[in-house]
Amino acid sequence: MDYYTMLVYTYGVWTPEFGSFDKEEVKEEIQSWIDYEDYKSHQFLIICTGESQDEVQLQVDELNHNI
């Protein structure tokens, strides 16, 4: 089953901050950060993985390695 994770780019790295099986819920979370936390849209990325933390972290590590 697909699991969507909101990543936030701060201090030069991507960090997972929120996850859900519902992609629309992740998009809503991003919008709330933009509206209330003074973030910009280019600071967010949604990744799709399996539901395990290891799968999420593997993809985050790969993204950060390529920065």
N, C-alpha and C. Protein backbone atom coordinates (compact mmCIF):
# COMPACT_ATOMS: atom_id res chain seq x y z
N MET A 1 0.84 -1.18 0.00
CA MET A 1 0.00 0.00 0.00
C MET A 1 0.89 1.24 0.00
N ASP A 2 0.53 2.24 -0.80
CA ASP A 2 1.32 3.46 -0.89
C ASP A 2 1.20 4.30 0.38
N TYR A 3 2.35 4.82 0.82
CA TYR A 3 2.41 5.69 1.98
C TYR A 3 3.10 6.98 1.55
N TYR A 4 2.48 8.10 1.82
CA TYR A 4 2.98 9.41 1.39
C TYR A 4 3.58 10.14 2.58
N THR A 5 4.77 10.68 2.36
CA THR A 5 5.47 11.39 3.42
C THR A 5 5.81 12.80 2.96
N MET A 6 5.51 13.76 3.81
CA MET A 6 5.87 15.15 3.57
C MET A 6 7.29 15.36 4.07
N LEU A 7 8.16 15.80 3.16
CA LEU A 7 9.52 16.15 3.54
C LEU A 7 9.64 17.67 3.53
N VAL A 8 10.42 18.18 4.47
CA VAL A 8 10.66 19.62 4.55
C VAL A 8 12.16 19.84 4.40
N TYR A 9 12.51 20.77 3.53
CA TYR A 9 13.92 21.09 3.28
C TYR A 9 14.32 22.28 4.16
N THR A 10 15.12 21.99 5.18
CA THR A 10 15.64 23.03 6.07
C THR A 10 17.08 22.69 6.44
N TYR A 11 17.87 23.72 6.61
CA TYR A 11 19.27 23.56 7.01
C TYR A 11 20.03 22.63 6.08
N GLY A 12 19.66 22.62 4.79
CA GLY A 12 20.39 21.87 3.79
C GLY A 12 20.08 20.39 3.68
N VAL A 13 19.03 19.92 4.35
CA VAL A 13 18.65 18.51 4.27
C VAL A 13 17.13 18.36 4.21
N TRP A 14 16.68 17.24 3.65
CA TRP A 14 15.28 16.87 3.67
C TRP A 14 14.99 16.09 4.95
N THR A 15 13.88 16.44 5.60
CA THR A 15 13.50 15.79 6.85
C THR A 15 12.03 15.36 6.76
N PRO A 16 11.72 14.10 7.09
CA PRO A 16 10.32 13.69 7.10
C PRO A 16 9.60 14.31 8.30
N GLU A 17 8.42 14.89 8.04
CA GLU A 17 7.68 15.57 9.10
C GLU A 17 6.25 15.07 9.27
N PHE A 18 5.69 14.45 8.23
CA PHE A 18 4.30 14.01 8.32
C PHE A 18 4.08 12.93 7.28
N GLY A 19 3.28 11.92 7.63
CA GLY A 19 2.99 10.86 6.69
C GLY A 19 1.56 10.37 6.81
N SER A 20 1.05 9.84 5.68
CA SER A 20 -0.32 9.34 5.65
C SER A 20 -0.50 8.43 4.42
N PHE A 21 -1.49 7.57 4.49
CA PHE A 21 -1.87 6.77 3.33
C PHE A 21 -2.72 7.61 2.36
N ASP A 22 -3.16 8.77 2.80
CA ASP A 22 -4.00 9.67 2.01
C ASP A 22 -3.17 10.86 1.52
N LYS A 23 -2.89 10.88 0.22
CA LYS A 23 -2.04 11.94 -0.35
C LYS A 23 -2.67 13.32 -0.15
N GLU A 24 -3.98 13.41 -0.23
CA GLU A 24 -4.65 14.70 -0.04
C GLU A 24 -4.42 15.23 1.38
N GLU A 25 -4.38 14.35 2.34
CA GLU A 25 -4.11 14.76 3.72
C GLU A 25 -2.70 15.35 3.84
N VAL A 26 -1.75 14.75 3.14
CA VAL A 26 -0.38 15.27 3.14
C VAL A 26 -0.34 16.65 2.47
N LYS A 27 -1.06 16.81 1.38
CA LYS A 27 -1.12 18.12 0.71
C LYS A 27 -1.73 19.18 1.63
N GLU A 28 -2.75 18.80 2.39
CA GLU A 28 -3.36 19.74 3.34
C GLU A 28 -2.38 20.13 4.43
N GLU A 29 -1.59 19.18 4.88
CA GLU A 29 -0.58 19.47 5.91
C GLU A 29 0.46 20.46 5.37
N ILE A 30 0.89 20.24 4.13
CA ILE A 30 1.83 21.18 3.51
C ILE A 30 1.22 22.58 3.47
N GLN A 31 -0.02 22.66 3.05
CA GLN A 31 -0.67 23.98 2.95
C GLN A 31 -0.76 24.65 4.32
N SER A 32 -0.99 23.88 5.36
CA SER A 32 -1.06 24.48 6.70
C SER A 32 0.31 25.01 7.13
N TRP A 33 1.37 24.34 6.77
CA TRP A 33 2.72 24.83 7.09
C TRP A 33 2.99 26.12 6.32
N ILE A 34 2.54 26.18 5.08
CA ILE A 34 2.74 27.39 4.28
C ILE A 34 1.92 28.54 4.86
N ASP A 35 0.68 28.25 5.25
CA ASP A 35 -0.21 29.29 5.75
C ASP A 35 0.16 29.79 7.15
N TYR A 36 0.61 28.89 8.02
CA TYR A 36 0.77 29.24 9.43
C TYR A 36 2.19 29.18 9.97
N GLU A 37 3.10 28.58 9.24
CA GLU A 37 4.45 28.39 9.75
C GLU A 37 5.51 29.14 8.95
N ASP A 38 5.10 29.95 7.99
CA ASP A 38 6.01 30.80 7.21
C ASP A 38 7.01 30.00 6.37
N TYR A 39 6.56 28.88 5.83
CA TYR A 39 7.37 28.11 4.89
C TYR A 39 6.92 28.44 3.48
N LYS A 40 7.77 28.14 2.51
CA LYS A 40 7.47 28.35 1.10
C LYS A 40 7.26 26.99 0.42
N SER A 41 6.50 26.98 -0.66
CA SER A 41 6.15 25.71 -1.31
C SER A 41 7.37 24.93 -1.81
N HIS A 42 8.44 25.63 -2.20
CA HIS A 42 9.62 24.93 -2.71
C HIS A 42 10.38 24.18 -1.61
N GLN A 43 9.98 24.35 -0.35
CA GLN A 43 10.63 23.65 0.76
C GLN A 43 9.99 22.29 1.06
N PHE A 44 9.03 21.88 0.24
CA PHE A 44 8.30 20.63 0.50
C PHE A 44 8.44 19.66 -0.65
N LEU A 45 8.40 18.40 -0.29
CA LEU A 45 8.42 17.31 -1.25
C LEU A 45 7.56 16.20 -0.68
N ILE A 46 6.77 15.56 -1.52
CA ILE A 46 6.00 14.39 -1.12
C ILE A 46 6.65 13.18 -1.77
N ILE A 47 7.00 12.20 -0.95
CA ILE A 47 7.53 10.95 -1.47
C ILE A 47 6.51 9.85 -1.24
N CYS A 48 6.57 8.83 -2.07
CA CYS A 48 5.67 7.69 -1.97
C CYS A 48 6.53 6.44 -1.76
N THR A 49 6.27 5.75 -0.66
CA THR A 49 7.01 4.53 -0.33
C THR A 49 6.03 3.51 0.24
N GLY A 50 6.58 2.40 0.70
CA GLY A 50 5.81 1.50 1.53
C GLY A 50 5.67 2.14 2.90
N GLU A 51 4.95 1.48 3.79
CA GLU A 51 4.63 2.11 5.06
C GLU A 51 5.71 2.00 6.14
N SER A 52 6.73 1.21 5.95
CA SER A 52 7.72 1.04 7.01
C SER A 52 8.65 2.26 7.12
N GLN A 53 9.06 2.54 8.32
CA GLN A 53 9.97 3.66 8.56
C GLN A 53 11.28 3.46 7.83
N ASP A 54 11.72 2.21 7.71
CA ASP A 54 12.97 1.92 6.99
C ASP A 54 12.88 2.33 5.52
N GLU A 55 11.72 2.07 4.89
CA GLU A 55 11.54 2.44 3.48
C GLU A 55 11.56 3.96 3.31
N VAL A 56 10.89 4.66 4.22
CA VAL A 56 10.87 6.13 4.16
C VAL A 56 12.28 6.66 4.35
N GLN A 57 12.97 6.17 5.38
CA GLN A 57 14.30 6.69 5.68
C GLN A 57 15.30 6.40 4.57
N LEU A 58 15.18 5.26 3.93
CA LEU A 58 16.06 4.92 2.81
C LEU A 58 15.93 5.95 1.69
N GLN A 59 14.69 6.32 1.36
CA GLN A 59 14.49 7.30 0.29
C GLN A 59 14.97 8.69 0.72
N VAL A 60 14.74 9.06 1.98
CA VAL A 60 15.21 10.35 2.49
C VAL A 60 16.74 10.39 2.45
N ASP A 61 17.37 9.33 2.88
CA ASP A 61 18.85 9.27 2.85
C ASP A 61 19.38 9.41 1.42
N GLU A 62 18.70 8.77 0.48
CA GLU A 62 19.12 8.85 -0.92
C GLU A 62 19.00 10.29 -1.45
N LEU A 63 17.90 10.94 -1.11
CA LEU A 63 17.71 12.34 -1.53
C LEU A 63 18.79 13.23 -0.92
N ASN A 64 19.08 13.04 0.35
CA ASN A 64 20.07 13.89 1.02
C ASN A 64 21.47 13.61 0.53
N HIS A 65 21.74 12.40 0.12
CA HIS A 65 23.06 12.05 -0.41
C HIS A 65 23.33 12.78 -1.72
N ASN A 66 22.28 13.03 -2.49
CA ASN A 66 22.42 13.65 -3.80
C ASN A 66 22.34 15.18 -3.78
N ILE A 67 22.29 15.75 -2.59
CA ILE A 67 22.22 17.23 -2.50
C ILE A 67 23.57 17.83 -2.83
